[in-house]
Amino acid sequence: MARRNHHNVYVIELSKDVFNEGRFKRCNPGHIQGKPCIYVGMTGLDPDVRFDKHKAGIQSNRYVREYGLHLLPEIYEAYNPMTYEAARDMEVELAIDLREGGYGVWQA
């Protein structure tokens, strides 16, 4: 049976105010000033729908709910859609790559 490719990774830009959160700041010691703060996630939904759910408080990450600005499709859309396993792995890889590039990253 073929696996359905309906999972997506997504990236949300967060307000710079998220850096006032001690936990976020501690997890991003290599953040380069001027680089965005972002949230990296994966979902079986369309990323736009998932972002709306975060902002509405439905299975949301607190940083996205409070500081989420908008999606950054230029970072993730080339990867989508994919299998659950591929999306799970890509979420982690993408977060690591962006953090190494100086972004402030939260990945749950």
PDB file of N, CA and C in Angstrom:
ATOM      1  N   MET A   1       0.838  -1.177   0.000  1.00  0.00           N
ATOM      2  CA  MET A   1       0.000   0.000   0.000  1.00  0.00           C
ATOM      3  C   MET A   1       0.888   1.247   0.000  1.00  0.00           C
ATOM      4  N   ALA A   2       0.658   2.164  -0.905  1.00  0.00           N
ATOM      5  CA  ALA A   2       1.458   3.378  -1.024  1.00  0.00           C
ATOM      6  C   ALA A   2       1.158   4.327   0.139  1.00  0.00           C
ATOM      7  N   ARG A   3       2.192   5.004   0.587  1.00  0.00           N
ATOM      8  CA  ARG A   3       2.011   5.998   1.652  1.00  0.00           C
ATOM      9  C   ARG A   3       1.536   7.299   1.038  1.00  0.00           C
ATOM     10  N   ARG A   4       0.619   7.939   1.723  1.00  0.00           N
ATOM     11  CA  ARG A   4       0.113   9.222   1.237  1.00  0.00           C
ATOM     12  C   ARG A   4       1.072  10.339   1.626  1.00  0.00           C
ATOM     13  N   ASN A   5       1.394  11.142   0.669  1.00  0.00           N
ATOM     14  CA  ASN A   5       2.255  12.299   0.917  1.00  0.00           C
ATOM     15  C   ASN A   5       1.366  13.511   1.202  1.00  0.00           C
ATOM     16  N   HIS A   6       0.937  13.634   2.444  1.00  0.00           N
ATOM     17  CA  HIS A   6       0.082  14.771   2.780  1.00  0.00           C
ATOM     18  C   HIS A   6       0.578  15.550   3.995  1.00  0.00           C
ATOM     19  N   HIS A   7       1.789  15.276   4.434  1.00  0.00           N
ATOM     20  CA  HIS A   7       2.338  16.018   5.560  1.00  0.00           C
ATOM     21  C   HIS A   7       3.239  17.136   5.055  1.00  0.00           C
ATOM     22  N   ASN A   8       3.337  18.170   5.870  1.00  0.00           N
ATOM     23  CA  ASN A   8       4.090  19.361   5.495  1.00  0.00           C
ATOM     24  C   ASN A   8       4.937  19.851   6.655  1.00  0.00           C
ATOM     25  N   VAL A   9       6.092  20.413   6.323  1.00  0.00           N
ATOM     26  CA  VAL A   9       6.832  21.207   7.294  1.00  0.00           C
ATOM     27  C   VAL A   9       6.425  22.651   7.046  1.00  0.00           C
ATOM     28  N   TYR A  10       6.564  23.485   8.068  1.00  0.00           N
ATOM     29  CA  TYR A  10       6.229  24.903   7.911  1.00  0.00           C
ATOM     30  C   TYR A  10       7.103  25.724   8.842  1.00  0.00           C
ATOM     31  N   VAL A  11       7.266  26.989   8.485  1.00  0.00           N
ATOM     32  CA  VAL A  11       8.085  27.914   9.264  1.00  0.00           C
ATOM     33  C   VAL A  11       7.275  29.190   9.471  1.00  0.00           C
ATOM     34  N   ILE A  12       7.235  29.635  10.725  1.00  0.00           N
ATOM     35  CA  ILE A  12       6.504  30.840  11.093  1.00  0.00           C
ATOM     36  C   ILE A  12       7.495  31.850  11.658  1.00  0.00           C
ATOM     37  N   GLU A  13       7.435  33.069  11.153  1.00  0.00           N
ATOM     38  CA  GLU A  13       8.265  34.119  11.727  1.00  0.00           C
ATOM     39  C   GLU A  13       7.626  34.581  13.032  1.00  0.00           C
ATOM     40  N   LEU A  14       8.466  34.752  14.044  1.00  0.00           N
ATOM     41  CA  LEU A  14       8.032  35.221  15.351  1.00  0.00           C
ATOM     42  C   LEU A  14       8.515  36.652  15.559  1.00  0.00           C
ATOM     43  N   SER A  15       7.756  37.407  16.307  1.00  0.00           N
ATOM     44  CA  SER A  15       8.162  38.752  16.672  1.00  0.00           C
ATOM     45  C   SER A  15       9.482  38.693  17.446  1.00  0.00           C
ATOM     46  N   LYS A  16      10.300  39.714  17.289  1.00  0.00           N
ATOM     47  CA  LYS A  16      11.571  39.795  18.038  1.00  0.00           C
ATOM     48  C   LYS A  16      11.321  39.817  19.547  1.00  0.00           C
ATOM     49  N   ASP A  17      10.104  40.172  19.952  1.00  0.00           N
ATOM     50  CA  ASP A  17       9.762  40.203  21.380  1.00  0.00           C
ATOM     51  C   ASP A  17       9.891  38.836  22.033  1.00  0.00           C
ATOM     52  N   VAL A  18       9.883  37.765  21.242  1.00  0.00           N
ATOM     53  CA  VAL A  18      10.036  36.425  21.799  1.00  0.00           C
ATOM     54  C   VAL A  18      11.387  36.295  22.513  1.00  0.00           C
ATOM     55  N   PHE A  19      12.343  37.145  22.138  1.00  0.00           N
ATOM     56  CA  PHE A  19      13.654  37.081  22.790  1.00  0.00           C
ATOM     57  C   PHE A  19      13.606  37.583  24.230  1.00  0.00           C
ATOM     58  N   ASN A  20      12.490  38.162  24.653  1.00  0.00           N
ATOM     59  CA  ASN A  20      12.305  38.528  26.061  1.00  0.00           C
ATOM     60  C   ASN A  20      11.968  37.300  26.906  1.00  0.00           C
ATOM     61  N   GLU A  21      11.668  36.194  26.256  1.00  0.00           N
ATOM     62  CA  GLU A  21      11.375  34.930  26.950  1.00  0.00           C
ATOM     63  C   GLU A  21      12.708  34.241  27.245  1.00  0.00           C
ATOM     64  N   GLY A  22      12.994  34.063  28.524  1.00  0.00           N
ATOM     65  CA  GLY A  22      14.275  33.477  28.926  1.00  0.00           C
ATOM     66  C   GLY A  22      14.558  32.125  28.302  1.00  0.00           C
ATOM     67  N   ARG A  23      13.544  31.288  28.250  1.00  0.00           N
ATOM     68  CA  ARG A  23      13.742  29.941  27.708  1.00  0.00           C
ATOM     69  C   ARG A  23      14.104  29.989  26.217  1.00  0.00           C
ATOM     70  N   PHE A  24      13.430  30.843  25.463  1.00  0.00           N
ATOM     71  CA  PHE A  24      13.734  30.977  24.036  1.00  0.00           C
ATOM     72  C   PHE A  24      15.165  31.491  23.869  1.00  0.00           C
ATOM     73  N   LYS A  25      15.517  32.494  24.635  1.00  0.00           N
ATOM     74  CA  LYS A  25      16.854  33.085  24.539  1.00  0.00           C
ATOM     75  C   LYS A  25      17.938  32.069  24.892  1.00  0.00           C
ATOM     76  N   ARG A  26      17.722  31.301  25.968  1.00  0.00           N
ATOM     77  CA  ARG A  26      18.707  30.290  26.376  1.00  0.00           C
ATOM     78  C   ARG A  26      18.903  29.213  25.317  1.00  0.00           C
ATOM     79  N   CYS A  27      17.854  28.885  24.579  1.00  0.00           N
ATOM     80  CA  CYS A  27      17.932  27.841  23.547  1.00  0.00           C
ATOM     81  C   CYS A  27      18.557  28.346  22.249  1.00  0.00           C
ATOM     82  N   ASN A  28      18.859  29.632  22.175  1.00  0.00           N
ATOM     83  CA  ASN A  28      19.393  30.213  20.948  1.00  0.00           C
ATOM     84  C   ASN A  28      20.607  31.091  21.221  1.00  0.00           C
ATOM     85  N   PRO A  29      21.646  30.519  21.848  1.00  0.00           N
ATOM     86  CA  PRO A  29      22.818  31.341  22.173  1.00  0.00           C
ATOM     87  C   PRO A  29      23.574  31.833  20.932  1.00  0.00           C
ATOM     88  N   GLY A  30      23.398  31.172  19.795  1.00  0.00           N
ATOM     89  CA  GLY A  30      24.098  31.569  18.582  1.00  0.00           C
ATOM     90  C   GLY A  30      23.305  32.470  17.662  1.00  0.00           C
ATOM     91  N   HIS A  31      22.186  32.995  18.163  1.00  0.00           N
ATOM     92  CA  HIS A  31      21.352  33.867  17.330  1.00  0.00           C
ATOM     93  C   HIS A  31      22.143  35.097  16.901  1.00  0.00           C
ATOM     94  N   ILE A  32      22.072  35.397  15.617  1.00  0.00           N
ATOM     95  CA  ILE A  32      22.737  36.569  15.059  1.00  0.00           C
ATOM     96  C   ILE A  32      21.720  37.702  14.980  1.00  0.00           C
ATOM     97  N   GLN A  33      22.050  38.816  15.615  1.00  0.00           N
ATOM     98  CA  GLN A  33      21.139  39.956  15.605  1.00  0.00           C
ATOM     99  C   GLN A  33      20.826  40.339  14.162  1.00  0.00           C
ATOM    100  N   GLY A  34      19.544  40.546  13.887  1.00  0.00           N
ATOM    101  CA  GLY A  34      19.091  40.867  12.545  1.00  0.00           C
ATOM    102  C   GLY A  34      18.493  39.664  11.816  1.00  0.00           C
ATOM    103  N   LYS A  35      18.841  38.455  12.256  1.00  0.00           N
ATOM    104  CA  LYS A  35      18.232  37.251  11.685  1.00  0.00           C
ATOM    105  C   LYS A  35      16.879  37.037  12.357  1.00  0.00           C
ATOM    106  N   PRO A  36      15.899  36.503  11.622  1.00  0.00           N
ATOM    107  CA  PRO A  36      14.563  36.305  12.203  1.00  0.00           C
ATOM    108  C   PRO A  36      14.532  35.264  13.318  1.00  0.00           C
ATOM    109  N   CYS A  37      13.529  35.393  14.155  1.00  0.00           N
ATOM    110  CA  CYS A  37      13.177  34.361  15.119  1.00  0.00           C
ATOM    111  C   CYS A  37      12.030  33.589  14.477  1.00  0.00           C
ATOM    112  N   ILE A  38      12.086  32.253  14.544  1.00  0.00           N
ATOM    113  CA  ILE A  38      11.120  31.434  13.829  1.00  0.00           C
ATOM    114  C   ILE A  38      10.688  30.237  14.648  1.00  0.00           C
ATOM    115  N   TYR A  39       9.581  29.665  14.235  1.00  0.00           N
ATOM    116  CA  TYR A  39       9.071  28.397  14.757  1.00  0.00           C
ATOM    117  C   TYR A  39       9.041  27.436  13.579  1.00  0.00           C
ATOM    118  N   VAL A  40       9.547  26.225  13.773  1.00  0.00           N
ATOM    119  CA  VAL A  40       9.520  25.193  12.738  1.00  0.00           C
ATOM    120  C   VAL A  40       8.621  24.065  13.234  1.00  0.00           C
ATOM    121  N   GLY A  41       7.664  23.657  12.399  1.00  0.00           N
ATOM    122  CA  GLY A  41       6.752  22.591  12.773  1.00  0.00           C
ATOM    123  C   GLY A  41       6.436  21.686  11.601  1.00  0.00           C
ATOM    124  N   MET A  42       5.639  20.665  11.876  1.00  0.00           N
ATOM    125  CA  MET A  42       5.149  19.771  10.828  1.00  0.00           C
ATOM    126  C   MET A  42       3.685  19.494  11.083  1.00  0.00           C
ATOM    127  N   THR A  43       2.953  19.179  10.022  1.00  0.00           N
ATOM    128  CA  THR A  43       1.516  18.981  10.151  1.00  0.00           C
ATOM    129  C   THR A  43       0.979  18.142   9.010  1.00  0.00           C
ATOM    130  N   GLY A  44      -0.155  17.528   9.246  1.00  0.00           N
ATOM    131  CA  GLY A  44      -0.881  16.832   8.193  1.00  0.00           C
ATOM    132  C   GLY A  44      -1.875  17.757   7.521  1.00  0.00           C
ATOM    133  N   LEU A  45      -1.932  19.005   7.984  1.00  0.00           N
ATOM    134  CA  LEU A  45      -2.838  20.017   7.434  1.00  0.00           C
ATOM    135  C   LEU A  45      -2.086  20.932   6.482  1.00  0.00           C
ATOM    136  N   ASP A  46      -2.826  21.769   5.787  1.00  0.00           N
ATOM    137  CA  ASP A  46      -2.215  22.838   5.009  1.00  0.00           C
ATOM    138  C   ASP A  46      -1.542  23.790   6.007  1.00  0.00           C
ATOM    139  N   PRO A  47      -0.332  24.261   5.739  1.00  0.00           N
ATOM    140  CA  PRO A  47       0.344  25.153   6.690  1.00  0.00           C
ATOM    141  C   PRO A  47      -0.475  26.397   7.064  1.00  0.00           C
ATOM    142  N   ASP A  48      -1.255  26.946   6.118  1.00  0.00           N
ATOM    143  CA  ASP A  48      -2.093  28.110   6.444  1.00  0.00           C
ATOM    144  C   ASP A  48      -3.140  27.767   7.502  1.00  0.00           C
ATOM    145  N   VAL A  49      -3.741  26.600   7.377  1.00  0.00           N
ATOM    146  CA  VAL A  49      -4.739  26.152   8.348  1.00  0.00           C
ATOM    147  C   VAL A  49      -4.073  25.923   9.697  1.00  0.00           C
ATOM    148  N   ARG A  50      -2.890  25.318   9.680  1.00  0.00           N
ATOM    149  CA  ARG A  50      -2.188  25.045  10.943  1.00  0.00           C
ATOM    150  C   ARG A  50      -1.819  26.346  11.650  1.00  0.00           C
ATOM    151  N   PHE A  51      -1.350  27.336  10.887  1.00  0.00           N
ATOM    152  CA  PHE A  51      -1.013  28.631  11.474  1.00  0.00           C
ATOM    153  C   PHE A  51      -2.246  29.261  12.129  1.00  0.00           C
ATOM    154  N   ASP A  52      -3.376  29.213  11.435  1.00  0.00           N
ATOM    155  CA  ASP A  52      -4.618  29.758  12.001  1.00  0.00           C
ATOM    156  C   ASP A  52      -5.003  29.049  13.291  1.00  0.00           C
ATOM    157  N   LYS A  53      -4.795  27.745  13.350  1.00  0.00           N
ATOM    158  CA  LYS A  53      -5.113  26.993  14.572  1.00  0.00           C
ATOM    159  C   LYS A  53      -4.191  27.407  15.723  1.00  0.00           C
ATOM    160  N   HIS A  54      -2.904  27.583  15.423  1.00  0.00           N
ATOM    161  CA  HIS A  54      -1.977  28.072  16.455  1.00  0.00           C
ATOM    162  C   HIS A  54      -2.494  29.395  17.019  1.00  0.00           C
ATOM    163  N   LYS A  55      -2.817  30.331  16.133  1.00  0.00           N
ATOM    164  CA  LYS A  55      -3.231  31.659  16.572  1.00  0.00           C
ATOM    165  C   LYS A  55      -4.556  31.632  17.329  1.00  0.00           C
ATOM    166  N   ALA A  56      -5.404  30.642  17.027  1.00  0.00           N
ATOM    167  CA  ALA A  56      -6.691  30.504  17.713  1.00  0.00           C
ATOM    168  C   ALA A  56      -6.564  29.737  19.027  1.00  0.00           C
ATOM    169  N   GLY A  57      -5.373  29.240  19.334  1.00  0.00           N
ATOM    170  CA  GLY A  57      -5.169  28.503  20.572  1.00  0.00           C
ATOM    171  C   GLY A  57      -5.550  27.038  20.496  1.00  0.00           C
ATOM    172  N   ILE A  58      -5.704  26.502  19.297  1.00  0.00           N
ATOM    173  CA  ILE A  58      -6.070  25.094  19.105  1.00  0.00           C
ATOM    174  C   ILE A  58      -4.797  24.288  18.879  1.00  0.00           C
ATOM    175  N   GLN A  59      -4.460  23.433  19.843  1.00  0.00           N
ATOM    176  CA  GLN A  59      -3.222  22.658  19.807  1.00  0.00           C
ATOM    177  C   GLN A  59      -2.052  23.554  19.420  1.00  0.00           C
ATOM    178  N   SER A  60      -1.949  24.676  20.110  1.00  0.00           N
ATOM    179  CA  SER A  60      -0.993  25.696  19.705  1.00  0.00           C
ATOM    180  C   SER A  60       0.255  25.695  20.561  1.00  0.00           C
ATOM    181  N   ASN A  61       1.309  26.193  19.965  1.00  0.00           N
ATOM    182  CA  ASN A  61       2.530  26.473  20.684  1.00  0.00           C
ATOM    183  C   ASN A  61       2.399  27.898  21.226  1.00  0.00           C
ATOM    184  N   ARG A  62       2.765  28.092  22.471  1.00  0.00           N
ATOM    185  CA  ARG A  62       2.608  29.398  23.103  1.00  0.00           C
ATOM    186  C   ARG A  62       3.375  30.487  22.369  1.00  0.00           C
ATOM    187  N   TYR A  63       4.584  30.186  21.903  1.00  0.00           N
ATOM    188  CA  TYR A  63       5.364  31.209  21.207  1.00  0.00           C
ATOM    189  C   TYR A  63       4.684  31.632  19.903  1.00  0.00           C
ATOM    190  N   VAL A  64       4.090  30.683  19.194  1.00  0.00           N
ATOM    191  CA  VAL A  64       3.384  31.030  17.959  1.00  0.00           C
ATOM    192  C   VAL A  64       2.116  31.810  18.286  1.00  0.00           C
ATOM    193  N   ARG A  65       1.373  31.351  19.277  1.00  0.00           N
ATOM    194  CA  ARG A  65       0.127  32.021  19.646  1.00  0.00           C
ATOM    195  C   ARG A  65       0.391  33.482  20.036  1.00  0.00           C
ATOM    196  N   GLU A  66       1.441  33.708  20.828  1.00  0.00           N
ATOM    197  CA  GLU A  66       1.708  35.049  21.334  1.00  0.00           C
ATOM    198  C   GLU A  66       2.575  35.906  20.415  1.00  0.00           C
ATOM    199  N   TYR A  67       3.486  35.280  19.669  1.00  0.00           N
ATOM    200  CA  TYR A  67       4.461  36.054  18.900  1.00  0.00           C
ATOM    201  C   TYR A  67       4.450  35.774  17.393  1.00  0.00           C
ATOM    202  N   GLY A  68       3.617  34.829  16.944  1.00  0.00           N
ATOM    203  CA  GLY A  68       3.600  34.463  15.531  1.00  0.00           C
ATOM    204  C   GLY A  68       3.125  35.606  14.644  1.00  0.00           C
ATOM    205  N   LEU A  69       3.891  35.874  13.589  1.00  0.00           N
ATOM    206  CA  LEU A  69       3.565  36.962  12.666  1.00  0.00           C
ATOM    207  C   LEU A  69       2.965  36.431  11.368  1.00  0.00           C
ATOM    208  N   HIS A  70       3.673  35.526  10.714  1.00  0.00           N
ATOM    209  CA  HIS A  70       3.222  34.997   9.425  1.00  0.00           C
ATOM    210  C   HIS A  70       4.085  33.813   9.023  1.00  0.00           C
ATOM    211  N   LEU A  71       3.586  33.061   8.062  1.00  0.00           N
ATOM    212  CA  LEU A  71       4.332  31.937   7.508  1.00  0.00           C
ATOM    213  C   LEU A  71       5.463  32.448   6.618  1.00  0.00           C
ATOM    214  N   LEU A  72       6.514  31.643   6.500  1.00  0.00           N
ATOM    215  CA  LEU A  72       7.633  31.938   5.612  1.00  0.00           C
ATOM    216  C   LEU A  72       7.745  30.823   4.564  1.00  0.00           C
ATOM    217  N   PRO A  73       6.802  30.775   3.616  1.00  0.00           N
ATOM    218  CA  PRO A  73       6.769  29.668   2.661  1.00  0.00           C
ATOM    219  C   PRO A  73       8.013  29.551   1.791  1.00  0.00           C
ATOM    220  N   GLU A  74       8.738  30.650   1.599  1.00  0.00           N
ATOM    221  CA  GLU A  74       9.946  30.570   0.781  1.00  0.00           C
ATOM    222  C   GLU A  74      10.992  29.641   1.395  1.00  0.00           C
ATOM    223  N   ILE A  75      10.891  29.374   2.684  1.00  0.00           N
ATOM    224  CA  ILE A  75      11.835  28.478   3.350  1.00  0.00           C
ATOM    225  C   ILE A  75      11.419  27.016   3.222  1.00  0.00           C
ATOM    226  N   TYR A  76      10.113  26.723   3.204  1.00  0.00           N
ATOM    227  CA  TYR A  76       9.670  25.338   3.318  1.00  0.00           C
ATOM    228  C   TYR A  76       8.896  24.765   2.142  1.00  0.00           C
ATOM    229  N   GLU A  77       8.305  25.577   1.290  1.00  0.00           N
ATOM    230  CA  GLU A  77       7.351  25.027   0.320  1.00  0.00           C
ATOM    231  C   GLU A  77       7.959  24.058  -0.685  1.00  0.00           C
ATOM    232  N   ALA A  78       9.246  24.141  -0.947  1.00  0.00           N
ATOM    233  CA  ALA A  78       9.878  23.223  -1.899  1.00  0.00           C
ATOM    234  C   ALA A  78       9.896  21.782  -1.384  1.00  0.00           C
ATOM    235  N   TYR A  79       9.768  21.589  -0.075  1.00  0.00           N
ATOM    236  CA  TYR A  79       9.825  20.255   0.525  1.00  0.00           C
ATOM    237  C   TYR A  79       8.475  19.541   0.550  1.00  0.00           C
ATOM    238  N   ASN A  80       7.393  20.282   0.478  1.00  0.00           N
ATOM    239  CA  ASN A  80       6.049  19.737   0.701  1.00  0.00           C
ATOM    240  C   ASN A  80       5.378  19.288  -0.579  1.00  0.00           C
ATOM    241  N   PRO A  81       4.455  18.335  -0.513  1.00  0.00           N
ATOM    242  CA  PRO A  81       4.103  17.466   0.616  1.00  0.00           C
ATOM    243  C   PRO A  81       5.053  16.276   0.693  1.00  0.00           C
ATOM    244  N   MET A  82       4.965  15.550   1.799  1.00  0.00           N
ATOM    245  CA  MET A  82       5.820  14.377   2.017  1.00  0.00           C
ATOM    246  C   MET A  82       5.138  13.414   2.972  1.00  0.00           C
ATOM    247  N   THR A  83       5.756  12.264   3.167  1.00  0.00           N
ATOM    248  CA  THR A  83       5.210  11.287   4.107  1.00  0.00           C
ATOM    249  C   THR A  83       5.383  11.805   5.539  1.00  0.00           C
ATOM    250  N   TYR A  84       4.679  11.191   6.458  1.00  0.00           N
ATOM    251  CA  TYR A  84       4.802  11.558   7.868  1.00  0.00           C
ATOM    252  C   TYR A  84       6.254  11.433   8.326  1.00  0.00           C
ATOM    253  N   GLU A  85       6.886  10.319   7.994  1.00  0.00           N
ATOM    254  CA  GLU A  85       8.256  10.068   8.434  1.00  0.00           C
ATOM    255  C   GLU A  85       9.220  11.108   7.868  1.00  0.00           C
ATOM    256  N   ALA A  86       9.047  11.433   6.593  1.00  0.00           N
ATOM    257  CA  ALA A  86       9.913  12.433   5.969  1.00  0.00           C
ATOM    258  C   ALA A  86       9.696  13.811   6.597  1.00  0.00           C
ATOM    259  N   ALA A  87       8.445  14.166   6.882  1.00  0.00           N
ATOM    260  CA  ALA A  87       8.145  15.461   7.503  1.00  0.00           C
ATOM    261  C   ALA A  87       8.713  15.524   8.916  1.00  0.00           C
ATOM    262  N   ARG A  88       8.596  14.442   9.656  1.00  0.00           N
ATOM    263  CA  ARG A  88       9.143  14.391  11.021  1.00  0.00           C
ATOM    264  C   ARG A  88      10.651  14.638  10.995  1.00  0.00           C
ATOM    265  N   ASP A  89      11.339  13.988  10.077  1.00  0.00           N
ATOM    266  CA  ASP A  89      12.788  14.154   9.969  1.00  0.00           C
ATOM    267  C   ASP A  89      13.158  15.538   9.443  1.00  0.00           C
ATOM    268  N   MET A  90      12.427  16.018   8.455  1.00  0.00           N
ATOM    269  CA  MET A  90      12.718  17.319   7.855  1.00  0.00           C
ATOM    270  C   MET A  90      12.516  18.445   8.851  1.00  0.00           C
ATOM    271  N   GLU A  91      11.525  18.325   9.733  1.00  0.00           N
ATOM    272  CA  GLU A  91      11.296  19.349  10.753  1.00  0.00           C
ATOM    273  C   GLU A  91      12.552  19.546  11.598  1.00  0.00           C
ATOM    274  N   VAL A  92      13.143  18.446  12.029  1.00  0.00           N
ATOM    275  CA  VAL A  92      14.345  18.508  12.864  1.00  0.00           C
ATOM    276  C   VAL A  92      15.533  19.039  12.067  1.00  0.00           C
ATOM    277  N   GLU A  93      15.729  18.522  10.863  1.00  0.00           N
ATOM    278  CA  GLU A  93      16.856  18.949  10.029  1.00  0.00           C
ATOM    279  C   GLU A  93      16.772  20.430   9.686  1.00  0.00           C
ATOM    280  N   LEU A  94      15.578  20.886   9.330  1.00  0.00           N
ATOM    281  CA  LEU A  94      15.378  22.285   8.974  1.00  0.00           C
ATOM    282  C   LEU A  94      15.659  23.187  10.175  1.00  0.00           C
ATOM    283  N   ALA A  95      15.172  22.809  11.337  1.00  0.00           N
ATOM    284  CA  ALA A  95      15.416  23.598  12.550  1.00  0.00           C
ATOM    285  C   ALA A  95      16.909  23.679  12.853  1.00  0.00           C
ATOM    286  N   ILE A  96      17.609  22.570  12.736  1.00  0.00           N
ATOM    287  CA  ILE A  96      19.059  22.563  12.991  1.00  0.00           C
ATOM    288  C   ILE A  96      19.780  23.460  11.996  1.00  0.00           C
ATOM    289  N   ASP A  97      19.445  23.316  10.709  1.00  0.00           N
ATOM    290  CA  ASP A  97      20.107  24.126   9.676  1.00  0.00           C
ATOM    291  C   ASP A  97      19.875  25.619   9.896  1.00  0.00           C
ATOM    292  N   LEU A  98      18.643  25.999  10.227  1.00  0.00           N
ATOM    293  CA  LEU A  98      18.343  27.412  10.429  1.00  0.00           C
ATOM    294  C   LEU A  98      19.020  27.954  11.691  1.00  0.00           C
ATOM    295  N   ARG A  99      19.057  27.161  12.751  1.00  0.00           N
ATOM    296  CA  ARG A  99      19.737  27.593  13.981  1.00  0.00           C
ATOM    297  C   ARG A  99      21.234  27.772  13.709  1.00  0.00           C
ATOM    298  N   GLU A 100      21.815  26.841  12.953  1.00  0.00           N
ATOM    299  CA  GLU A 100      23.237  26.962  12.602  1.00  0.00           C
ATOM    300  C   GLU A 100      23.488  28.187  11.728  1.00  0.00           C
ATOM    301  N   GLY A 101      22.460  28.634  11.006  1.00  0.00           N
ATOM    302  CA  GLY A 101      22.560  29.830  10.174  1.00  0.00           C
ATOM    303  C   GLY A 101      22.319  31.124  10.933  1.00  0.00           C
ATOM    304  N   GLY A 102      22.148  31.038  12.249  1.00  0.00           N
ATOM    305  CA  GLY A 102      22.000  32.226  13.075  1.00  0.00           C
ATOM    306  C   GLY A 102      20.578  32.644  13.385  1.00  0.00           C
ATOM    307  N   TYR A 103      19.599  31.879  12.900  1.00  0.00           N
ATOM    308  CA  TYR A 103      18.202  32.175  13.224  1.00  0.00           C
ATOM    309  C   TYR A 103      17.939  31.840  14.690  1.00  0.00           C
ATOM    310  N   GLY A 104      16.981  32.527  15.299  1.00  0.00           N
ATOM    311  CA  GLY A 104      16.466  32.134  16.594  1.00  0.00           C
ATOM    312  C   GLY A 104      15.354  31.137  16.331  1.00  0.00           C
ATOM    313  N   VAL A 105      15.491  29.891  16.780  1.00  0.00           N
ATOM    314  CA  VAL A 105      14.583  28.823  16.381  1.00  0.00           C
ATOM    315  C   VAL A 105      13.911  28.157  17.576  1.00  0.00           C
ATOM    316  N   TRP A 106      12.608  27.942  17.431  1.00  0.00           N
ATOM    317  CA  TRP A 106      11.869  27.062  18.352  1.00  0.00           C
ATOM    318  C   TRP A 106      11.263  25.967  17.530  1.00  0.00           C
ATOM    319  N   GLN A 107      11.487  24.731  17.937  1.00  0.00           N
ATOM    320  CA  GLN A 107      10.973  23.577  17.216  1.00  0.00           C
ATOM    321  C   GLN A 107      10.425  22.616  18.248  1.00  0.00           C
ATOM    322  N   ALA A 108       9.154  22.240  18.090  1.00  0.00           N
ATOM    323  CA  ALA A 108       8.517  21.384  19.089  1.00  0.00           C
ATOM    324  C   ALA A 108       8.203  20.020  18.530  1.00  0.00           C
TER     325      ALA A 108
END
